[in-house]
Amino acid sequence: MTTMNCMEVLANMSCYIDGDGSAELRKALGEHVTHCRRCRVLFDTTGQVLKIVTAAEPFEVPLAVSARLYNRLEKILSEA
């Protein structure tokens, strides 16, 4: 695999974070992230956000908020 650019790395970020994709792809992603500060910061930040989100306790959405969300979704879907 050739050297990846930042856009290719961004498009395959989930493969790197989730450990999916071929070994060759993960190696190319890892090499790029090792040498590209911008992508390394992006990956580190994304990883931290995922840790926070997965550690958060579930919460109940207030009924009024839920109703507004469903109404908005129905409107959007009916316009499609």
Protein backbone atom coordinates (compact mmCIF):
# COMPACT_ATOMS: atom_id res chain seq x y z
CA MET A 1 0.00 0.00 0.00
CA THR A 2 1.30 3.45 -0.84
CA THR A 3 1.64 6.27 1.65
CA MET A 4 -1.76 7.61 2.67
CA ASN A 5 -2.74 11.25 2.70
CA CYS A 6 -4.82 12.91 5.42
CA MET A 7 -8.10 12.59 3.49
CA GLU A 8 -7.58 8.84 3.00
CA VAL A 9 -6.74 8.46 6.67
CA LEU A 10 -9.85 10.39 7.68
CA ALA A 11 -12.01 8.21 5.42
CA ASN A 12 -10.63 5.09 7.13
CA MET A 13 -10.47 6.41 10.69
CA SER A 14 -13.02 3.91 12.01
CA CYS A 15 -10.90 1.01 10.72
CA TYR A 16 -7.96 2.27 12.75
CA ILE A 17 -9.94 2.98 15.92
CA ASP A 18 -11.99 -0.24 15.75
CA GLY A 19 -9.08 -2.42 14.66
CA ASP A 20 -10.97 -3.41 11.50
CA GLY A 21 -9.69 -3.63 7.95
CA SER A 22 -6.71 -5.48 6.60
CA ALA A 23 -3.41 -5.60 8.43
CA GLU A 24 -1.90 -3.62 5.55
CA LEU A 25 -4.52 -0.86 5.90
CA ARG A 26 -4.09 -0.64 9.67
CA LYS A 27 -0.30 -0.50 9.23
CA ALA A 28 -0.56 2.34 6.67
CA LEU A 29 -2.98 4.23 8.93
CA GLY A 30 -0.72 3.75 11.93
CA GLU A 31 2.34 4.94 10.04
CA HIS A 32 0.56 8.06 8.86
CA VAL A 33 -0.79 8.86 12.33
CA THR A 34 2.69 8.38 13.78
CA HIS A 35 4.14 11.01 11.44
CA CYS A 36 1.21 13.42 11.03
CA ARG A 37 0.53 15.55 14.10
CA ARG A 38 -2.85 16.77 12.82
CA CYS A 39 -4.18 13.24 12.26
CA ARG A 40 -2.68 12.03 15.55
CA VAL A 41 -4.53 14.78 17.44
CA LEU A 42 -7.74 13.90 15.58
CA PHE A 43 -7.40 10.21 16.40
CA ASP A 44 -6.47 10.83 20.03
CA THR A 45 -9.37 13.23 20.49
CA THR A 46 -11.82 10.87 18.81
CA GLY A 47 -10.61 8.03 21.01
CA GLN A 48 -11.10 10.11 24.14
CA VAL A 49 -14.60 11.15 23.09
CA LEU A 50 -15.51 7.51 22.46
CA LYS A 51 -14.27 6.55 25.92
CA ILE A 52 -16.37 9.29 27.52
CA VAL A 53 -19.49 8.41 25.53
CA THR A 54 -19.24 4.68 26.19
CA ALA A 55 -18.65 5.27 29.91
CA ALA A 56 -21.68 7.58 30.28
CA GLU A 57 -24.72 6.21 32.03
CA PRO A 58 -27.96 6.06 30.07
CA PHE A 59 -30.50 8.74 30.87
CA GLU A 60 -34.16 9.26 30.22
CA VAL A 61 -35.08 11.93 27.70
CA PRO A 62 -37.92 14.16 28.93
CA LEU A 63 -41.22 13.39 27.21
CA ALA A 64 -41.52 16.91 25.73
CA VAL A 65 -38.07 16.65 24.13
CA SER A 66 -38.86 13.20 22.78
CA ALA A 67 -42.15 14.42 21.29
CA ARG A 68 -40.42 17.38 19.57
CA LEU A 69 -37.77 15.05 18.17
CA TYR A 70 -40.35 12.63 16.76
CA ASN A 71 -42.36 15.48 15.25
CA ARG A 72 -39.27 16.91 13.59
CA LEU A 73 -38.25 13.49 12.25
CA GLU A 74 -41.73 12.90 10.85
CA LYS A 75 -41.62 16.28 9.11
CA ILE A 76 -38.20 15.63 7.61
CA LEU A 77 -39.15 12.14 6.44
CA SER A 78 -42.39 13.33 4.89
CA GLU A 79 -40.49 15.97 2.87
CA ALA A 80 -38.09 13.40 1.43
